[in-house]
C-alpha atoms as a PDB file:
ATOM      1  CA  UNK A   1       2.827   8.694 -22.965  1.00  0.00           C
ATOM      2  CA  UNK A   2       4.621   5.372 -22.765  1.00  0.00           C
ATOM      3  CA  UNK A   3       6.365   3.522 -19.950  1.00  0.00           C
ATOM      4  CA  UNK A   4      10.125   3.542 -19.924  1.00  0.00           C
ATOM      5  CA  UNK A   5      11.625   0.091 -20.245  1.00  0.00           C
ATOM      6  CA  UNK A   6      13.086  -1.624 -17.189  1.00  0.00           C
ATOM      7  CA  UNK A   7      16.446  -1.460 -18.975  1.00  0.00           C
ATOM      8  CA  UNK A   8      16.127   2.335 -19.313  1.00  0.00           C
ATOM      9  CA  UNK A   9      15.177   2.684 -15.648  1.00  0.00           C
ATOM     10  CA  UNK A  10      18.103   0.512 -14.576  1.00  0.00           C
ATOM     11  CA  UNK A  11      20.465   2.591 -16.711  1.00  0.00           C
ATOM     12  CA  UNK A  12      19.259   5.812 -15.055  1.00  0.00           C
ATOM     13  CA  UNK A  13      19.715   4.332 -11.580  1.00  0.00           C
ATOM     14  CA  UNK A  14      23.226   3.123 -12.396  1.00  0.00           C
ATOM     15  CA  UNK A  15      24.210   6.630 -13.502  1.00  0.00           C
ATOM     16  CA  UNK A  16      23.280   8.023 -10.089  1.00  0.00           C
ATOM     17  CA  UNK A  17      25.664   8.481  -7.172  1.00  0.00           C
ATOM     18  CA  UNK A  18      22.958   8.834  -4.541  1.00  0.00           C
ATOM     19  CA  UNK A  19      19.254   7.915  -4.601  1.00  0.00           C
ATOM     20  CA  UNK A  20      16.358   8.899  -2.341  1.00  0.00           C
ATOM     21  CA  UNK A  21      13.363   6.535  -2.379  1.00  0.00           C
ATOM     22  CA  UNK A  22       9.892   7.519  -1.185  1.00  0.00           C
ATOM     23  CA  UNK A  23       6.623   5.694  -0.693  1.00  0.00           C
ATOM     24  CA  UNK A  24       3.204   6.731   0.528  1.00  0.00           C
ATOM     25  CA  UNK A  25       2.187   7.885   4.003  1.00  0.00           C
ATOM     26  CA  UNK A  26       0.904   5.202   6.382  1.00  0.00           C
ATOM     27  CA  UNK A  27       2.768   2.644   4.279  1.00  0.00           C
ATOM     28  CA  UNK A  28       1.280  -0.797   3.784  1.00  0.00           C
ATOM     29  CA  UNK A  29       3.429  -3.855   3.188  1.00  0.00           C
ATOM     30  CA  UNK A  30       3.515  -3.285  -0.565  1.00  0.00           C
ATOM     31  CA  UNK A  31       4.858   0.227  -0.015  1.00  0.00           C
ATOM     32  CA  UNK A  32       7.644  -1.186   2.143  1.00  0.00           C
ATOM     33  CA  UNK A  33       8.063  -4.286  -0.011  1.00  0.00           C
ATOM     34  CA  UNK A  34       8.630  -2.186  -3.124  1.00  0.00           C
ATOM     35  CA  UNK A  35      10.929   0.472  -1.604  1.00  0.00           C
ATOM     36  CA  UNK A  36      13.197  -1.295   0.903  1.00  0.00           C
ATOM     37  CA  UNK A  37      14.440  -4.145  -1.342  1.00  0.00           C
ATOM     38  CA  UNK A  38      15.011  -1.667  -4.175  1.00  0.00           C
ATOM     39  CA  UNK A  39      17.281   0.332  -1.866  1.00  0.00           C
ATOM     40  CA  UNK A  40      19.125  -2.825  -0.818  1.00  0.00           C
ATOM     41  CA  UNK A  41      19.688  -3.770  -4.457  1.00  0.00           C
ATOM     42  CA  UNK A  42      20.935  -0.286  -5.364  1.00  0.00           C
ATOM     43  CA  UNK A  43      23.342  -0.254  -2.394  1.00  0.00           C
ATOM     44  CA  UNK A  44      24.754  -3.586  -3.543  1.00  0.00           C
ATOM     45  CA  UNK A  45      25.913  -1.723  -6.672  1.00  0.00           C
ATOM     46  CA  UNK A  46      27.882   0.708  -4.474  1.00  0.00           C
ATOM     47  CA  UNK A  47      25.350   3.499  -4.970  1.00  0.00           C
ATOM     48  CA  UNK A  48      24.026   5.374  -1.931  1.00  0.00           C
ATOM     49  CA  UNK A  49      20.287   4.728  -1.457  1.00  0.00           C
ATOM     50  CA  UNK A  50      18.032   5.959   1.355  1.00  0.00           C
ATOM     51  CA  UNK A  51      14.349   5.193   1.966  1.00  0.00           C
ATOM     52  CA  UNK A  52      12.271   7.909   3.652  1.00  0.00           C
ATOM     53  CA  UNK A  53       9.267   6.871   5.752  1.00  0.00           C
ATOM     54  CA  UNK A  54       7.796   9.236   8.358  1.00  0.00           C
ATOM     55  CA  UNK A  55       5.207   6.893   9.857  1.00  0.00           C
ATOM     56  CA  UNK A  56       5.796   4.128  12.377  1.00  0.00           C
ATOM     57  CA  UNK A  57       5.669   0.528  11.181  1.00  0.00           C
ATOM     58  CA  UNK A  58       2.737  -1.563  12.353  1.00  0.00           C
ATOM     59  CA  UNK A  59       3.461  -4.483  14.651  1.00  0.00           C
ATOM     60  CA  UNK A  60       3.361  -7.087  11.871  1.00  0.00           C
ATOM     61  CA  UNK A  61       5.424  -4.870   9.563  1.00  0.00           C
ATOM     62  CA  UNK A  62       8.121  -4.539  12.225  1.00  0.00           C
ATOM     63  CA  UNK A  63       8.326  -8.347  12.354  1.00  0.00           C
ATOM     64  CA  UNK A  64       8.959  -8.584   8.597  1.00  0.00           C
ATOM     65  CA  UNK A  65      10.843  -5.378   7.692  1.00  0.00           C
ATOM     66  CA  UNK A  66      13.835  -3.820   9.449  1.00  0.00           C
ATOM     67  CA  UNK A  67      12.576  -0.391  10.510  1.00  0.00           C
ATOM     68  CA  UNK A  68      16.132   0.695  11.296  1.00  0.00           C
ATOM     69  CA  UNK A  69      16.892   0.790   7.558  1.00  0.00           C
ATOM     70  CA  UNK A  70      14.634   3.804   6.846  1.00  0.00           C
ATOM     71  CA  UNK A  71      15.067   7.514   7.489  1.00  0.00           C
ATOM     72  CA  UNK A  72      12.187   9.429   9.062  1.00  0.00           C
ATOM     73  CA  UNK A  73      13.674  12.928   9.177  1.00  0.00           C
ATOM     74  CA  UNK A  74      13.919  15.769   6.696  1.00  0.00           C
ATOM     75  CA  UNK A  75      15.243  15.064   3.222  1.00  0.00           C
ATOM     76  CA  UNK A  76      17.810  17.459   1.758  1.00  0.00           C
ATOM     77  CA  UNK A  77      17.428  17.251  -2.037  1.00  0.00           C
ATOM     78  CA  UNK A  78      21.001  18.485  -2.461  1.00  0.00           C
ATOM     79  CA  UNK A  79      22.181  15.146  -1.053  1.00  0.00           C
ATOM     80  CA  UNK A  80      20.760  13.208  -4.018  1.00  0.00           C
ATOM     81  CA  UNK A  81      20.953  13.214  -7.792  1.00  0.00           C
ATOM     82  CA  UNK A  82      18.006  10.827  -8.329  1.00  0.00           C
ATOM     83  CA  UNK A  83      14.678  10.308  -6.577  1.00  0.00           C
ATOM     84  CA  UNK A  84      12.335   7.318  -6.922  1.00  0.00           C
ATOM     85  CA  UNK A  85       8.767   6.833  -5.718  1.00  0.00           C
ATOM     86  CA  UNK A  86       7.139   3.428  -5.320  1.00  0.00           C
ATOM     87  CA  UNK A  87       3.420   2.678  -4.891  1.00  0.00           C
ATOM     88  CA  UNK A  88       2.506   6.392  -4.816  1.00  0.00           C
ATOM     89  CA  UNK A  89      -0.334   7.472  -7.156  1.00  0.00           C
ATOM     90  CA  UNK A  90      -0.472  11.145  -6.116  1.00  0.00           C
ATOM     91  CA  UNK A  91       1.837  13.818  -4.734  1.00  0.00           C
ATOM     92  CA  UNK A  92      -0.457  14.285  -1.737  1.00  0.00           C
ATOM     93  CA  UNK A  93       0.179  10.647  -0.752  1.00  0.00           C
ATOM     94  CA  UNK A  94       3.858  11.501  -0.260  1.00  0.00           C
ATOM     95  CA  UNK A  95       2.948  13.661   2.716  1.00  0.00           C
ATOM     96  CA  UNK A  96       5.752  15.970   3.845  1.00  0.00           C
ATOM     97  CA  UNK A  97       8.024  14.718   1.069  1.00  0.00           C
ATOM     98  CA  UNK A  98       5.586  15.571  -1.723  1.00  0.00           C
ATOM     99  CA  UNK A  99       6.877  19.057  -2.498  1.00  0.00           C
ATOM    100  CA  UNK A 100      10.499  17.875  -2.597  1.00  0.00           C
ATOM    101  CA  UNK A 101       9.709  15.006  -4.947  1.00  0.00           C
ATOM    102  CA  UNK A 102       7.439  17.044  -7.229  1.00  0.00           C
ATOM    103  CA  UNK A 103      10.073  19.737  -7.716  1.00  0.00           C
ATOM    104  CA  UNK A 104      12.971  17.320  -8.286  1.00  0.00           C
ATOM    105  CA  UNK A 105      13.707  17.096 -12.009  1.00  0.00           C
ATOM    106  CA  UNK A 106      15.544  13.765 -12.084  1.00  0.00           C
ATOM    107  CA  UNK A 107      12.969  11.310 -10.770  1.00  0.00           C
ATOM    108  CA  UNK A 108      11.571   7.852 -11.472  1.00  0.00           C
ATOM    109  CA  UNK A 109       8.016   6.709 -10.689  1.00  0.00           C
ATOM    110  CA  UNK A 110       7.116   3.037 -10.164  1.00  0.00           C
ATOM    111  CA  UNK A 111       3.462   2.224  -9.531  1.00  0.00           C
ATOM    112  CA  UNK A 112       0.530  -0.072 -10.282  1.00  0.00           C
ATOM    113  CA  UNK A 113      -2.378   2.293  -9.534  1.00  0.00           C
ATOM    114  CA  UNK A 114      -4.575   3.884 -12.207  1.00  0.00           C
ATOM    115  CA  UNK A 115      -4.580   7.666 -12.730  1.00  0.00           C
ATOM    116  CA  UNK A 116      -1.090   8.257 -11.352  1.00  0.00           C
ATOM    117  CA  UNK A 117      -0.232  11.990 -11.268  1.00  0.00           C
ATOM    118  CA  UNK A 118       3.337  11.851  -9.944  1.00  0.00           C
ATOM    119  CA  UNK A 119       4.871  11.174 -13.350  1.00  0.00           C
ATOM    120  CA  UNK A 120       8.234  12.546 -14.427  1.00  0.00           C
ATOM    121  CA  UNK A 121      10.170  11.843 -17.612  1.00  0.00           C
ATOM    122  CA  UNK A 122      10.989   8.277 -16.539  1.00  0.00           C
ATOM    123  CA  UNK A 123       8.326   6.003 -15.117  1.00  0.00           C
ATOM    124  CA  UNK A 124       6.772   2.554 -15.166  1.00  0.00           C
ATOM    125  CA  UNK A 125       3.081   2.411 -14.262  1.00  0.00           C
ATOM    126  CA  UNK A 126       1.058  -0.705 -15.059  1.00  0.00           C
ATOM    127  CA  UNK A 127      -2.247  -1.727 -13.476  1.00  0.00           C
ATOM    128  CA  UNK A 128      -1.766  -5.296 -14.714  1.00  0.00           C
ATOM    129  CA  UNK A 129       0.510  -5.857 -11.730  1.00  0.00           C
ATOM    130  CA  UNK A 130      -1.254  -6.698  -8.479  1.00  0.00           C
ATOM    131  CA  UNK A 131       1.487  -5.018  -6.432  1.00  0.00           C
ATOM    132  CA  UNK A 132       4.233  -2.459  -6.883  1.00  0.00           C
ATOM    133  CA  UNK A 133       6.628  -4.994  -5.350  1.00  0.00           C
ATOM    134  CA  UNK A 134       6.407  -6.967  -8.610  1.00  0.00           C
ATOM    135  CA  UNK A 135       7.504  -3.900 -10.574  1.00  0.00           C
ATOM    136  CA  UNK A 136      10.398  -3.264  -8.178  1.00  0.00           C
ATOM    137  CA  UNK A 137      11.448  -6.891  -8.655  1.00  0.00           C
ATOM    138  CA  UNK A 138      11.647  -6.417 -12.422  1.00  0.00           C
ATOM    139  CA  UNK A 139      13.695  -3.227 -11.954  1.00  0.00           C
ATOM    140  CA  UNK A 140      16.078  -5.114  -9.648  1.00  0.00           C
ATOM    141  CA  UNK A 141      16.425  -7.846 -12.262  1.00  0.00           C
ATOM    142  CA  UNK A 142      17.220  -5.207 -14.894  1.00  0.00           C
ATOM    143  CA  UNK A 143      19.871  -3.771 -12.563  1.00  0.00           C
ATOM    144  CA  UNK A 144      21.433  -7.254 -12.525  1.00  0.00           C
ATOM    145  CA  UNK A 145      21.758  -6.898  -8.761  1.00  0.00           C
ATOM    146  CA  UNK A 146      22.137  -9.986  -6.602  1.00  0.00           C
ATOM    147  CA  UNK A 147      18.709 -10.942  -5.255  1.00  0.00           C
ATOM    148  CA  UNK A 148      19.482 -12.007  -1.711  1.00  0.00           C
ATOM    149  CA  UNK A 149      17.158 -13.906   0.602  1.00  0.00           C
ATOM    150  CA  UNK A 150      16.352 -10.618   2.369  1.00  0.00           C
ATOM    151  CA  UNK A 151      15.485  -8.837  -0.892  1.00  0.00           C
ATOM    152  CA  UNK A 152      13.375 -11.775  -2.116  1.00  0.00           C
ATOM    153  CA  UNK A 153      11.556 -12.011   1.228  1.00  0.00           C
ATOM    154  CA  UNK A 154      10.757  -8.281   1.327  1.00  0.00           C
ATOM    155  CA  UNK A 155       9.423  -8.374  -2.223  1.00  0.00           C
ATOM    156  CA  UNK A 156       7.345 -11.480  -1.509  1.00  0.00           C
ATOM    157  CA  UNK A 157       5.887  -9.889   1.632  1.00  0.00           C
ATOM    158  CA  UNK A 158       4.760  -6.867  -0.392  1.00  0.00           C
ATOM    159  CA  UNK A 159       3.242  -9.038  -3.119  1.00  0.00           C
ATOM    160  CA  UNK A 160       1.546 -11.375  -0.665  1.00  0.00           C
ATOM    161  CA  UNK A 161       0.077  -8.565   1.437  1.00  0.00           C
ATOM    162  CA  UNK A 162      -1.299  -6.615  -1.528  1.00  0.00           C
ATOM    163  CA  UNK A 163      -3.081  -9.738  -2.767  1.00  0.00           C
ATOM    164  CA  UNK A 164      -4.178 -10.705   0.764  1.00  0.00           C
ATOM    165  CA  UNK A 165      -2.160 -13.923   0.562  1.00  0.00           C
ATOM    166  CA  UNK A 166      -3.203 -14.418  -3.099  1.00  0.00           C
ATOM    167  CA  UNK A 167      -6.928 -14.401  -2.258  1.00  0.00           C
ATOM    168  CA  UNK A 168      -7.868 -10.994  -3.711  1.00  0.00           C
ATOM    169  CA  UNK A 169      -9.358 -10.618  -7.166  1.00  0.00           C
ATOM    170  CA  UNK A 170      -6.251  -8.713  -8.363  1.00  0.00           C
ATOM    171  CA  UNK A 171      -4.208 -11.950  -8.481  1.00  0.00           C
ATOM    172  CA  UNK A 172      -3.139 -12.774 -12.030  1.00  0.00           C
ATOM    173  CA  UNK A 173      -0.505 -14.600 -14.032  1.00  0.00           C
ATOM    174  CA  UNK A 174       2.134 -11.963 -13.231  1.00  0.00           C
ATOM    175  CA  UNK A 175       1.516 -12.389  -9.491  1.00  0.00           C
ATOM    176  CA  UNK A 176       2.058 -16.123  -9.532  1.00  0.00           C
ATOM    177  CA  UNK A 177       5.009 -16.119 -11.928  1.00  0.00           C
ATOM    178  CA  UNK A 178       6.900 -13.532  -9.891  1.00  0.00           C
ATOM    179  CA  UNK A 179       5.995 -15.262  -6.607  1.00  0.00           C
ATOM    180  CA  UNK A 180       7.581 -18.425  -7.998  1.00  0.00           C
ATOM    181  CA  UNK A 181      10.728 -16.526  -9.005  1.00  0.00           C
ATOM    182  CA  UNK A 182      10.987 -15.014  -5.528  1.00  0.00           C
ATOM    183  CA  UNK A 183      10.650 -18.454  -3.951  1.00  0.00           C
ATOM    184  CA  UNK A 184      13.475 -19.687  -6.171  1.00  0.00           C
ATOM    185  CA  UNK A 185      15.551 -16.734  -4.980  1.00  0.00           C
ATOM    186  CA  UNK A 186      15.123 -17.726  -1.345  1.00  0.00           C
ATOM    187  CA  UNK A 187      12.056 -15.834  -0.122  1.00  0.00           C
ATOM    188  CA  UNK A 188      11.187 -17.222   3.308  1.00  0.00           C
ATOM    189  CA  UNK A 189       7.503 -17.815   2.633  1.00  0.00           C
ATOM    190  CA  UNK A 190       6.757 -19.750   5.815  1.00  0.00           C
ATOM    191  CA  UNK A 191       8.292 -17.036   7.994  1.00  0.00           C
ATOM    192  CA  UNK A 192       6.387 -14.288   6.163  1.00  0.00           C
ATOM    193  CA  UNK A 193       3.074 -16.159   6.422  1.00  0.00           C
ATOM    194  CA  UNK A 194       3.661 -16.749  10.122  1.00  0.00           C
ATOM    195  CA  UNK A 195       4.362 -13.060  10.805  1.00  0.00           C
ATOM    196  CA  UNK A 196       1.771 -11.464   8.526  1.00  0.00           C
ATOM    197  CA  UNK A 197      -1.181 -13.836   8.892  1.00  0.00           C
ATOM    198  CA  UNK A 198      -0.682 -16.056  11.933  1.00  0.00           C
ATOM    199  CA  UNK A 199       0.532 -13.564  14.530  1.00  0.00           C
ATOM    200  CA  UNK A 200      -1.896 -11.215  16.276  1.00  0.00           C
ATOM    201  CA  UNK A 201      -1.534  -9.003  19.315  1.00  0.00           C
ATOM    202  CA  UNK A 202      -4.093  -8.972  22.098  1.00  0.00           C
ATOM    203  CA  UNK A 203      -5.454  -5.626  20.880  1.00  0.00           C
ATOM    204  CA  UNK A 204      -5.865  -6.984  17.337  1.00  0.00           C
ATOM    205  CA  UNK A 205      -7.890  -9.895  18.689  1.00  0.00           C
ATOM    206  CA  UNK A 206     -10.042  -7.508  20.709  1.00  0.00           C
ATOM    207  CA  UNK A 207     -10.621  -5.336  17.649  1.00  0.00           C
ATOM    208  CA  UNK A 208     -11.585  -8.344  15.525  1.00  0.00           C
ATOM    209  CA  UNK A 209     -14.035  -9.359  18.227  1.00  0.00           C
ATOM    210  CA  UNK A 210     -15.442  -5.816  18.169  1.00  0.00           C
ATOM    211  CA  UNK A 211     -15.757  -5.987  14.362  1.00  0.00           C
ATOM    212  CA  UNK A 212     -17.709  -9.268  14.358  1.00  0.00           C
ATOM    213  CA  UNK A 213     -20.026  -8.001  17.086  1.00  0.00           C
ATOM    214  CA  UNK A 214     -20.699  -4.620  15.479  1.00  0.00           C
ATOM    215  CA  UNK A 215     -20.813  -5.069  11.723  1.00  0.00           C
ATOM    216  CA  UNK A 216     -23.956  -3.974   9.864  1.00  0.00           C
ATOM    217  CA  UNK A 217     -25.378  -5.317   6.601  1.00  0.00           C
ATOM    218  CA  UNK A 218     -27.226  -2.837   4.379  1.00  0.00           C
ATOM    219  CA  UNK A 219     -28.629  -4.759   1.383  1.00  0.00           C
ATOM    220  CA  UNK A 220     -25.485  -6.166  -0.287  1.00  0.00           C
ATOM    221  CA  UNK A 221     -23.030  -3.907   1.589  1.00  0.00           C
ATOM    222  CA  UNK A 222     -21.448  -4.725   4.947  1.00  0.00           C
ATOM    223  CA  UNK A 223     -19.616  -2.184   7.077  1.00  0.00           C
ATOM    224  CA  UNK A 224     -18.094  -1.537  10.479  1.00  0.00           C
ATOM    225  CA  UNK A 225     -17.481   1.780  12.245  1.00  0.00           C
ATOM    226  CA  UNK A 226     -14.631   2.312  14.701  1.00  0.00           C
ATOM    227  CA  UNK A 227     -14.547   5.552  16.669  1.00  0.00           C
ATOM    228  CA  UNK A 228     -11.713   7.077  18.689  1.00  0.00           C
ATOM    229  CA  UNK A 229     -13.298   5.997  21.956  1.00  0.00           C
ATOM    230  CA  UNK A 230     -13.129   2.338  20.890  1.00  0.00           C
ATOM    231  CA  UNK A 231      -9.515   2.658  19.729  1.00  0.00           C
ATOM    232  CA  UNK A 232      -8.498   4.356  22.966  1.00  0.00           C
ATOM    233  CA  UNK A 233     -10.294   1.755  25.084  1.00  0.00           C
ATOM    234  CA  UNK A 234      -8.412  -1.074  23.377  1.00  0.00           C
ATOM    235  CA  UNK A 235      -5.204   1.025  23.122  1.00  0.00           C
ATOM    236  CA  UNK A 236      -5.173   0.387  19.384  1.00  0.00           C
ATOM    237  CA  UNK A 237      -4.585   2.513  16.308  1.00  0.00           C
ATOM    238  CA  UNK A 238      -5.986   2.822  12.799  1.00  0.00           C
ATOM    239  CA  UNK A 239      -3.517   0.325  11.312  1.00  0.00           C
ATOM    240  CA  UNK A 240      -4.858  -2.408  13.601  1.00  0.00           C
ATOM    241  CA  UNK A 241      -8.137  -2.173  11.665  1.00  0.00           C
ATOM    242  CA  UNK A 242      -6.586  -2.344   8.197  1.00  0.00           C
ATOM    243  CA  UNK A 243      -7.974  -5.806   7.358  1.00  0.00           C
ATOM    244  CA  UNK A 244     -11.547  -5.151   8.493  1.00  0.00           C
ATOM    245  CA  UNK A 245     -12.982  -4.588   5.026  1.00  0.00           C
ATOM    246  CA  UNK A 246     -11.214  -7.686   3.651  1.00  0.00           C
ATOM    247  CA  UNK A 247     -12.457  -9.854   6.526  1.00  0.00           C
ATOM    248  CA  UNK A 248     -16.040  -8.612   6.237  1.00  0.00           C
ATOM    249  CA  UNK A 249     -16.140  -9.345   2.527  1.00  0.00           C
ATOM    250  CA  UNK A 250     -16.194 -13.087   3.289  1.00  0.00           C
ATOM    251  CA  UNK A 251     -19.883 -12.851   4.263  1.00  0.00           C
ATOM    252  CA  UNK A 252     -21.651 -14.728   1.480  1.00  0.00           C
ATOM    253  CA  UNK A 253     -24.599 -12.373   1.004  1.00  0.00           C
ATOM    254  CA  UNK A 254     -22.591  -9.181   0.403  1.00  0.00           C
ATOM    255  CA  UNK A 255     -20.881  -7.740  -2.677  1.00  0.00           C
ATOM    256  CA  UNK A 256     -18.996  -4.824  -1.100  1.00  0.00           C
ATOM    257  CA  UNK A 257     -17.560  -3.984   2.297  1.00  0.00           C
ATOM    258  CA  UNK A 258     -16.145  -0.947   4.001  1.00  0.00           C
ATOM    259  CA  UNK A 259     -14.760   0.148   7.333  1.00  0.00           C
ATOM    260  CA  UNK A 260     -14.551   3.672   8.693  1.00  0.00           C
ATOM    261  CA  UNK A 261     -12.007   4.482  11.386  1.00  0.00           C
ATOM    262  CA  UNK A 262     -11.982   7.821  13.205  1.00  0.00           C
ATOM    263  CA  UNK A 263      -8.443   9.262  12.989  1.00  0.00           C
ATOM    264  CA  UNK A 264      -9.154  12.437  14.909  1.00  0.00           C
ATOM    265  CA  UNK A 265     -12.242  14.487  15.623  1.00  0.00           C
ATOM    266  CA  UNK A 266     -13.852  15.199  12.261  1.00  0.00           C
ATOM    267  CA  UNK A 267     -11.386  13.146  10.147  1.00  0.00           C
ATOM    268  CA  UNK A 268     -12.103   9.587   8.981  1.00  0.00           C
ATOM    269  CA  UNK A 269     -10.269   6.817   7.133  1.00  0.00           C
ATOM    270  CA  UNK A 270     -12.303   4.724   4.690  1.00  0.00           C
ATOM    271  CA  UNK A 271     -11.276   1.283   3.429  1.00  0.00           C
ATOM    272  CA  UNK A 272     -13.355  -0.377   0.695  1.00  0.00           C
ATOM    273  CA  UNK A 273     -13.351  -3.843  -0.849  1.00  0.00           C
ATOM    274  CA  UNK A 274     -15.481  -5.391  -3.589  1.00  0.00           C
ATOM    275  CA  UNK A 275     -16.123  -8.871  -4.956  1.00  0.00           C
ATOM    276  CA  UNK A 276     -15.825  -9.839  -8.619  1.00  0.00           C
ATOM    277  CA  UNK A 277     -16.322  -6.696 -10.733  1.00  0.00           C
ATOM    278  CA  UNK A 278     -17.780  -4.423  -8.056  1.00  0.00           C
ATOM    279  CA  UNK A 279     -16.237  -0.969  -8.565  1.00  0.00           C
ATOM    280  CA  UNK A 280     -15.378   0.437  -5.132  1.00  0.00           C
ATOM    281  CA  UNK A 281     -12.701   2.747  -6.558  1.00  0.00           C
ATOM    282  CA  UNK A 282     -15.432   5.058  -7.851  1.00  0.00           C
ATOM    283  CA  UNK A 283     -16.867   5.290  -4.326  1.00  0.00           C
ATOM    284  CA  UNK A 284     -13.461   6.258  -2.952  1.00  0.00           C
ATOM    285  CA  UNK A 285     -12.998   8.851  -5.708  1.00  0.00           C
ATOM    286  CA  UNK A 286     -16.312  10.496  -4.811  1.00  0.00           C
ATOM    287  CA  UNK A 287     -14.817  11.108  -1.348  1.00  0.00           C
ATOM    288  CA  UNK A 288     -11.447  12.368  -2.573  1.00  0.00           C
ATOM    289  CA  UNK A 289      -9.611   9.039  -2.506  1.00  0.00           C
ATOM    290  CA  UNK A 290      -8.644   6.365  -5.002  1.00  0.00           C
ATOM    291  CA  UNK A 291      -7.075   2.955  -5.384  1.00  0.00           C
ATOM    292  CA  UNK A 292      -8.013  -0.076  -7.454  1.00  0.00           C
ATOM    293  CA  UNK A 293     -11.288  -1.342  -8.892  1.00  0.00           C
ATOM    294  CA  UNK A 294     -11.946  -3.752  -6.006  1.00  0.00           C
ATOM    295  CA  UNK A 295      -9.733  -2.250  -3.283  1.00  0.00           C
ATOM    296  CA  UNK A 296      -9.742   1.460  -2.533  1.00  0.00           C
ATOM    297  CA  UNK A 297      -9.750   4.013   0.247  1.00  0.00           C
ATOM    298  CA  UNK A 298     -10.006   7.654   1.224  1.00  0.00           C
ATOM    299  CA  UNK A 299      -9.575  10.128   4.047  1.00  0.00           C
ATOM    300  CA  UNK A 300     -12.376  12.630   4.421  1.00  0.00           C
ATOM    301  CA  UNK A 301     -14.019  14.980   6.887  1.00  0.00           C
ATOM    302  CA  UNK A 302     -17.444  14.672   8.517  1.00  0.00           C
ATOM    303  CA  UNK A 303     -19.216  15.999  11.586  1.00  0.00           C
ATOM    304  CA  UNK A 304     -19.271  12.559  13.205  1.00  0.00           C
ATOM    305  CA  UNK A 305     -18.794   8.913  12.301  1.00  0.00           C
ATOM    306  CA  UNK A 306     -22.483   8.464  11.474  1.00  0.00           C
ATOM    307  CA  UNK A 307     -22.416  11.299   8.962  1.00  0.00           C
ATOM    308  CA  UNK A 308     -19.252   9.705   7.547  1.00  0.00           C
ATOM    309  CA  UNK A 309     -21.166   6.408   7.176  1.00  0.00           C
ATOM    310  CA  UNK A 310     -24.065   8.149   5.444  1.00  0.00           C
ATOM    311  CA  UNK A 311     -21.681   9.874   3.031  1.00  0.00           C
ATOM    312  CA  UNK A 312     -20.282   6.499   1.983  1.00  0.00           C
ATOM    313  CA  UNK A 313     -23.698   4.846   1.665  1.00  0.00           C
ATOM    314  CA  UNK A 314     -24.979   7.809  -0.364  1.00  0.00           C
ATOM    315  CA  UNK A 315     -21.945   7.539  -2.642  1.00  0.00           C
ATOM    316  CA  UNK A 316     -22.883   3.891  -3.262  1.00  0.00           C
ATOM    317  CA  UNK A 317     -26.477   4.876  -4.045  1.00  0.00           C
ATOM    318  CA  UNK A 318     -25.393   7.632  -6.439  1.00  0.00           C
ATOM    319  CA  UNK A 319     -22.978   5.321  -8.227  1.00  0.00           C
ATOM    320  CA  UNK A 320     -25.598   2.587  -8.597  1.00  0.00           C
ATOM    321  CA  UNK A 321     -28.228   5.102  -9.661  1.00  0.00           C
ATOM    322  CA  UNK A 322     -30.597   4.341  -6.796  1.00  0.00           C
END
């Protein structure tokens, strides 16, 4: 199976009268940065385009992206003649919209994850890109749509966030070339950096303080556990802990990091990060998740947060053959 060309994808979009765009549940900035600007570009061609997102934006996301531009209700497939997914490696990650998208014949898939199982007849999936926002940018260029300051800024925010401000190991030549093009097209880099990396709420500061007081190092792995009681005490939510594993990875003696956040009784969210060529994706896959070689995650069930921790540590031991 081979990727469609960006020209072929643009041609399919231009033939449509109405387009529904989906991204994954609990969207990160790359999910929003690859879907919202694509919709804006399609609308500029006088084609109806709607983005469907059920979940609330995080505080920092609401500063960067206009949450009033997405739909969070039911999607009637009869209202559209084309559907597009961005940054979604599996149907399950589409949440309530998964069944609609999977059964829709005329669909396009744009992604940068390995082992994508959402594929239709037309798709572009390439792990050489550090973010799906880069792929959306190339589709927008192929559409010959006007790249406004808003479109460029949204795309840059997605690219920047998925590379952790160009500090993650997934940064490559594509990342930097496209970042430069977005800057030339008016992306407001200073504003994005201010909102994504230099603005924190009181609860985020309290959570970071909790993280640095409660992290544990086990050989070359560092981790932090956050239970519901802690979240409720600080009046925080899972998304406020999203950068824990990235922050912990800065400790010089560790090779991998993870954080586990209790979502509800018996259900846990795992975020994993690895340095250099450490394969944390395999750990996530052992627990029903996925992602990239050095950045991955999963949702899984356990009796309590300590059993959840042991499941992750045992997955590391099995993978390393210890």
